Amino acid sequence: MLPVLLLSLVAAVLLGGLFYQHTVTNRLHRCEWNDLLIQLQPVPTAPVSRVADEYLNPQPNQLATEPIDIWTALGGLDGMRRMRKNARVLIELAAYAERWNYTEGVIVAERIRRDALQLRRATFHIALRTALGADRLRIPFYMHEAAVAYPLMTQRLLALYQTSHIGLYPRLAEALN
C-alpha cells in the first residue's frame, strides 16, 4: 500500500510541475516584446561574469574565491531565483527573434534552452540543499554552473539581436545590464 501511495504522490508532483511549466510557457509565449523585456529582473552582470570567468579560466590558485564570496556575488538565493526566472524570458526573447531570422533564431533559442536547463538544474539543487541544510559541500559547484550558464545565455541572445534586429538591440542590452 505504501509504495502505491508514494508512487501516486511522485506522479502527482511531476504532473503538477509539468502543468506549471506549460502554464508559464504559454503565458510568456503570448507576450509582446516590450512585455517580455519588462519581466526581466536585475542580475548583477559583472559579478556573475567574474565568477563564470574564474570557473572557465582556471588560474594557479583555484581556491582564491571563497564560496561565501561567490554566494554574495551571485546575490544569494534571491539572485539564483532571478536568474532562473530570467532564463524563461530569455528563451522567449530568442523565440521572438525567430520572426526576423528564422534559421539562426531556432539554433540560438535551442542553445539558450539547453543553457537554461543547466541553470534550472543548478538552482534547483542550490535551493533544495539550502532548504534541507544537507550536503552544502556541493553548493559552490552548482553556483559555478549557474554563473556559467546565465552569462552565456545573455551573450547568445545579445549576439542574435545584434545580427537579427539591431533596432531592438540597445534596449535589450540595457535591460540585461
C-alpha atoms as a PDB file:
ATOM      1  CA  MET A   1       0.000   0.000   0.000  1.00  0.00           C
ATOM      2  CA  LEU A   2       2.792   2.423   0.896  1.00  0.00           C
ATOM      3  CA  PRO A   3       4.672   2.018  -2.432  1.00  0.00           C
ATOM      4  CA  VAL A   4       1.474   2.740  -4.378  1.00  0.00           C
ATOM      5  CA  LEU A   5       0.810   5.837  -2.291  1.00  0.00           C
ATOM      6  CA  LEU A   6       4.397   7.018  -2.714  1.00  0.00           C
ATOM      7  CA  LEU A   7       4.284   6.397  -6.460  1.00  0.00           C
ATOM      8  CA  SER A   8       0.991   8.293  -6.714  1.00  0.00           C
ATOM      9  CA  LEU A   9       2.461  11.211  -4.781  1.00  0.00           C
ATOM     10  CA  VAL A  10       5.530  11.362  -7.042  1.00  0.00           C
ATOM     11  CA  ALA A  11       3.328  11.184 -10.149  1.00  0.00           C
ATOM     12  CA  ALA A  12       1.111  13.993  -8.826  1.00  0.00           C
ATOM     13  CA  VAL A  13       4.124  16.202  -8.108  1.00  0.00           C
ATOM     14  CA  LEU A  14       5.568  15.562 -11.568  1.00  0.00           C
ATOM     15  CA  LEU A  15       2.251  16.270 -13.283  1.00  0.00           C
ATOM     16  CA  GLY A  16       1.835  19.437 -11.227  1.00  0.00           C
ATOM     17  CA  GLY A  17       5.316  20.565 -12.262  1.00  0.00           C
ATOM     18  CA  LEU A  18       4.603  19.876 -15.923  1.00  0.00           C
ATOM     19  CA  PHE A  19       1.308  21.771 -15.725  1.00  0.00           C
ATOM     20  CA  TYR A  20       3.060  24.736 -14.080  1.00  0.00           C
ATOM     21  CA  GLN A  21       5.796  24.795 -16.747  1.00  0.00           C
ATOM     22  CA  HIS A  22       3.172  24.594 -19.501  1.00  0.00           C
ATOM     23  CA  THR A  23       1.159  27.450 -17.994  1.00  0.00           C
ATOM     24  CA  VAL A  24       4.183  29.718 -17.563  1.00  0.00           C
ATOM     25  CA  THR A  25       5.444  28.968 -21.075  1.00  0.00           C
ATOM     26  CA  ASN A  26       2.074  29.688 -22.655  1.00  0.00           C
ATOM     27  CA  ARG A  27       1.749  32.947 -20.734  1.00  0.00           C
ATOM     28  CA  LEU A  28       5.205  34.089 -21.858  1.00  0.00           C
ATOM     29  CA  HIS A  29       4.614  32.991 -25.434  1.00  0.00           C
ATOM     30  CA  ARG A  30       1.579  35.290 -25.707  1.00  0.00           C
ATOM     31  CA  CYS A  31       3.556  38.326 -24.517  1.00  0.00           C
ATOM     32  CA  GLU A  32       4.725  41.095 -26.794  1.00  0.00           C
ATOM     33  CA  TRP A  33       8.403  42.024 -26.963  1.00  0.00           C
ATOM     34  CA  ASN A  34       8.081  45.038 -24.634  1.00  0.00           C
ATOM     35  CA  ASP A  35       6.154  42.943 -22.112  1.00  0.00           C
ATOM     36  CA  LEU A  36       8.911  40.344 -22.130  1.00  0.00           C
ATOM     37  CA  LEU A  37      11.562  43.000 -21.620  1.00  0.00           C
ATOM     38  CA  ILE A  38       9.715  44.390 -18.605  1.00  0.00           C
ATOM     39  CA  GLN A  39       9.701  40.937 -16.992  1.00  0.00           C
ATOM     40  CA  LEU A  40      13.497  40.767 -16.883  1.00  0.00           C
ATOM     41  CA  GLN A  41      14.719  41.122 -13.319  1.00  0.00           C
ATOM     42  CA  PRO A  42      18.052  42.770 -12.479  1.00  0.00           C
ATOM     43  CA  VAL A  43      21.011  40.412 -12.190  1.00  0.00           C
ATOM     44  CA  PRO A  44      24.446  41.862 -11.385  1.00  0.00           C
ATOM     45  CA  THR A  45      26.294  41.272 -14.660  1.00  0.00           C
ATOM     46  CA  ALA A  46      29.870  41.992 -13.609  1.00  0.00           C
ATOM     47  CA  PRO A  47      29.987  39.763 -10.500  1.00  0.00           C
ATOM     48  CA  VAL A  48      28.240  36.865 -12.273  1.00  0.00           C
ATOM     49  CA  SER A  49      30.615  37.151 -15.238  1.00  0.00           C
ATOM     50  CA  ARG A  50      33.591  37.293 -12.879  1.00  0.00           C
ATOM     51  CA  VAL A  51      32.525  34.054 -11.148  1.00  0.00           C
ATOM     52  CA  ALA A  52      31.900  32.396 -14.532  1.00  0.00           C
ATOM     53  CA  ASP A  53      35.257  33.550 -15.884  1.00  0.00           C
ATOM     54  CA  GLU A  54      37.057  32.232 -12.824  1.00  0.00           C
ATOM     55  CA  TYR A  55      35.392  28.855 -13.319  1.00  0.00           C
ATOM     56  CA  LEU A  56      36.033  28.656 -17.077  1.00  0.00           C
ATOM     57  CA  ASN A  57      39.607  30.001 -16.981  1.00  0.00           C
ATOM     58  CA  PRO A  58      41.388  28.331 -14.072  1.00  0.00           C
ATOM     59  CA  GLN A  59      44.413  30.048 -12.599  1.00  0.00           C
ATOM     60  CA  PRO A  60      47.163  28.516 -10.435  1.00  0.00           C
ATOM     61  CA  ASN A  61      45.354  29.480  -7.191  1.00  0.00           C
ATOM     62  CA  GLN A  62      41.931  27.991  -7.888  1.00  0.00           C
ATOM     63  CA  LEU A  63      40.788  28.427  -4.302  1.00  0.00           C
ATOM     64  CA  ALA A  64      41.195  32.196  -4.265  1.00  0.00           C
ATOM     65  CA  THR A  65      37.466  32.949  -4.072  1.00  0.00           C
ATOM     66  CA  GLU A  66      35.645  31.528  -1.084  1.00  0.00           C
ATOM     67  CA  PRO A  67      32.152  30.010  -1.532  1.00  0.00           C
ATOM     68  CA  ILE A  68      30.627  32.771   0.611  1.00  0.00           C
ATOM     69  CA  ASP A  69      32.118  35.372  -1.748  1.00  0.00           C
ATOM     70  CA  ILE A  70      30.624  33.539  -4.740  1.00  0.00           C
ATOM     71  CA  TRP A  71      27.276  33.327  -2.939  1.00  0.00           C
ATOM     72  CA  THR A  72      27.375  37.072  -2.272  1.00  0.00           C
ATOM     73  CA  ALA A  73      28.460  37.922  -5.833  1.00  0.00           C
ATOM     74  CA  LEU A  74      25.554  35.924  -7.281  1.00  0.00           C
ATOM     75  CA  GLY A  75      23.043  37.574  -4.955  1.00  0.00           C
ATOM     76  CA  GLY A  76      22.388  34.536  -2.781  1.00  0.00           C
ATOM     77  CA  LEU A  77      19.207  32.535  -3.170  1.00  0.00           C
ATOM     78  CA  ASP A  78      17.354  35.618  -4.405  1.00  0.00           C
ATOM     79  CA  GLY A  79      19.904  36.114  -7.184  1.00  0.00           C
ATOM     80  CA  MET A  80      19.546  32.465  -8.182  1.00  0.00           C
ATOM     81  CA  ARG A  81      15.773  32.852  -8.395  1.00  0.00           C
ATOM     82  CA  ARG A  82      16.113  35.965 -10.564  1.00  0.00           C
ATOM     83  CA  MET A  83      18.474  34.168 -12.948  1.00  0.00           C
ATOM     84  CA  ARG A  84      16.059  31.229 -13.128  1.00  0.00           C
ATOM     85  CA  LYS A  85      13.071  33.481 -13.871  1.00  0.00           C
ATOM     86  CA  ASN A  86      15.048  35.464 -16.433  1.00  0.00           C
ATOM     87  CA  ALA A  87      16.035  32.237 -18.179  1.00  0.00           C
ATOM     88  CA  ARG A  88      12.417  31.687 -19.255  1.00  0.00           C
ATOM     89  CA  VAL A  89      12.183  35.241 -20.550  1.00  0.00           C
ATOM     90  CA  LEU A  90      15.490  34.927 -22.439  1.00  0.00           C
ATOM     91  CA  ILE A  91      14.177  31.808 -24.183  1.00  0.00           C
ATOM     92  CA  GLU A  92      11.046  33.683 -25.230  1.00  0.00           C
ATOM     93  CA  LEU A  93      13.075  36.658 -26.448  1.00  0.00           C
ATOM     94  CA  ALA A  94      15.151  34.283 -28.584  1.00  0.00           C
ATOM     95  CA  ALA A  95      11.991  32.655 -29.916  1.00  0.00           C
ATOM     96  CA  TYR A  96      10.651  36.124 -30.685  1.00  0.00           C
ATOM     97  CA  ALA A  97      13.748  36.819 -32.784  1.00  0.00           C
ATOM     98  CA  GLU A  98      12.885  33.832 -34.978  1.00  0.00           C
ATOM     99  CA  ARG A  99      10.391  36.145 -36.706  1.00  0.00           C
ATOM    100  CA  TRP A 100      13.262  38.111 -38.256  1.00  0.00           C
ATOM    101  CA  ASN A 101      15.950  35.473 -38.569  1.00  0.00           C
ATOM    102  CA  TYR A 102      14.400  32.025 -38.500  1.00  0.00           C
ATOM    103  CA  THR A 103      17.487  29.981 -39.312  1.00  0.00           C
ATOM    104  CA  GLU A 104      19.783  31.474 -36.690  1.00  0.00           C
ATOM    105  CA  GLY A 105      16.945  32.152 -34.230  1.00  0.00           C
ATOM    106  CA  VAL A 106      15.944  28.493 -33.999  1.00  0.00           C
ATOM    107  CA  ILE A 107      19.505  27.391 -33.301  1.00  0.00           C
ATOM    108  CA  VAL A 108      20.203  30.126 -30.754  1.00  0.00           C
ATOM    109  CA  ALA A 109      16.870  29.534 -28.993  1.00  0.00           C
ATOM    110  CA  GLU A 110      17.710  25.844 -28.644  1.00  0.00           C
ATOM    111  CA  ARG A 111      21.164  26.631 -27.285  1.00  0.00           C
ATOM    112  CA  ILE A 112      19.626  29.023 -24.784  1.00  0.00           C
ATOM    113  CA  ARG A 113      17.089  26.326 -23.793  1.00  0.00           C
ATOM    114  CA  ARG A 114      19.951  23.935 -23.085  1.00  0.00           C
ATOM    115  CA  ASP A 115      21.815  26.565 -21.068  1.00  0.00           C
ATOM    116  CA  ALA A 116      18.578  27.272 -19.183  1.00  0.00           C
ATOM    117  CA  LEU A 117      18.219  23.584 -18.383  1.00  0.00           C
ATOM    118  CA  GLN A 118      21.670  23.629 -16.795  1.00  0.00           C
ATOM    119  CA  LEU A 119      20.768  26.800 -14.901  1.00  0.00           C
ATOM    120  CA  ARG A 120      17.451  25.377 -13.666  1.00  0.00           C
ATOM    121  CA  ARG A 121      19.102  22.160 -12.543  1.00  0.00           C
ATOM    122  CA  ALA A 122      21.817  24.064 -10.656  1.00  0.00           C
ATOM    123  CA  THR A 123      19.385  26.479  -8.991  1.00  0.00           C
ATOM    124  CA  PHE A 124      17.097  23.589  -8.026  1.00  0.00           C
ATOM    125  CA  HIS A 125      19.955  21.803  -6.293  1.00  0.00           C
ATOM    126  CA  ILE A 126      21.036  25.006  -4.557  1.00  0.00           C
ATOM    127  CA  ALA A 127      17.522  25.732  -3.287  1.00  0.00           C
ATOM    128  CA  LEU A 128      16.979  22.133  -2.199  1.00  0.00           C
ATOM    129  CA  ARG A 129      20.295  21.824  -0.391  1.00  0.00           C
ATOM    130  CA  THR A 130      19.839  25.231   1.230  1.00  0.00           C
ATOM    131  CA  ALA A 131      16.329  24.391   2.414  1.00  0.00           C
ATOM    132  CA  LEU A 132      17.299  20.976   3.743  1.00  0.00           C
ATOM    133  CA  GLY A 133      20.654  22.111   5.071  1.00  0.00           C
ATOM    134  CA  ALA A 134      22.198  18.966   3.635  1.00  0.00           C
ATOM    135  CA  ASP A 135      25.353  18.376   1.608  1.00  0.00           C
ATOM    136  CA  ARG A 136      26.395  22.016   1.479  1.00  0.00           C
ATOM    137  CA  LEU A 137      29.768  20.959   0.119  1.00  0.00           C
ATOM    138  CA  ARG A 138      28.348  20.764  -3.424  1.00  0.00           C
ATOM    139  CA  ILE A 139      26.574  24.134  -3.423  1.00  0.00           C
ATOM    140  CA  PRO A 140      29.633  26.064  -4.722  1.00  0.00           C
ATOM    141  CA  PHE A 141      29.817  23.729  -7.723  1.00  0.00           C
ATOM    142  CA  TYR A 142      26.174  24.411  -8.547  1.00  0.00           C
ATOM    143  CA  MET A 143      26.767  28.135  -8.070  1.00  0.00           C
ATOM    144  CA  HIS A 144      29.535  27.976 -10.665  1.00  0.00           C
ATOM    145  CA  GLU A 145      27.272  26.083 -13.084  1.00  0.00           C
ATOM    146  CA  ALA A 146      24.569  28.740 -12.715  1.00  0.00           C
ATOM    147  CA  ALA A 147      27.122  31.528 -13.069  1.00  0.00           C
ATOM    148  CA  VAL A 148      28.424  29.997 -16.308  1.00  0.00           C
ATOM    149  CA  ALA A 149      25.006  29.326 -17.842  1.00  0.00           C
ATOM    150  CA  TYR A 150      23.451  32.756 -17.261  1.00  0.00           C
ATOM    151  CA  PRO A 151      26.064  34.994 -18.948  1.00  0.00           C
ATOM    152  CA  LEU A 152      26.293  32.513 -21.797  1.00  0.00           C
ATOM    153  CA  MET A 153      22.545  32.800 -22.342  1.00  0.00           C
ATOM    154  CA  THR A 154      22.639  36.588 -22.322  1.00  0.00           C
ATOM    155  CA  GLN A 155      25.639  36.708 -24.670  1.00  0.00           C
ATOM    156  CA  ARG A 156      23.931  34.347 -27.110  1.00  0.00           C
ATOM    157  CA  LEU A 157      20.759  36.440 -27.053  1.00  0.00           C
ATOM    158  CA  LEU A 158      22.582  39.741 -27.492  1.00  0.00           C
ATOM    159  CA  ALA A 159      24.579  38.359 -30.436  1.00  0.00           C
ATOM    160  CA  LEU A 160      21.351  37.119 -32.044  1.00  0.00           C
ATOM    161  CA  TYR A 161      19.697  40.524 -31.693  1.00  0.00           C
ATOM    162  CA  GLN A 162      22.804  42.297 -32.927  1.00  0.00           C
ATOM    163  CA  THR A 163      22.626  40.343 -36.208  1.00  0.00           C
ATOM    164  CA  SER A 164      18.838  39.995 -36.458  1.00  0.00           C
ATOM    165  CA  HIS A 165      17.324  43.243 -35.232  1.00  0.00           C
ATOM    166  CA  ILE A 166      19.823  45.962 -34.440  1.00  0.00           C
ATOM    167  CA  GLY A 167      16.977  48.395 -33.669  1.00  0.00           C
ATOM    168  CA  LEU A 168      15.942  46.428 -30.584  1.00  0.00           C
ATOM    169  CA  TYR A 169      19.492  45.560 -29.539  1.00  0.00           C
ATOM    170  CA  PRO A 170      20.222  48.701 -27.442  1.00  0.00           C
ATOM    171  CA  ARG A 171      17.093  48.310 -25.312  1.00  0.00           C
ATOM    172  CA  LEU A 172      17.795  44.603 -24.804  1.00  0.00           C
ATOM    173  CA  ALA A 173      21.423  45.282 -23.877  1.00  0.00           C
ATOM    174  CA  GLU A 174      20.315  47.941 -21.394  1.00  0.00           C
ATOM    175  CA  ALA A 175      17.737  45.599 -19.840  1.00  0.00           C
ATOM    176  CA  LEU A 176      20.282  42.825 -19.423  1.00  0.00           C
ATOM    177  CA  ASN A 177      22.960  45.032 -17.835  1.00  0.00           C
END
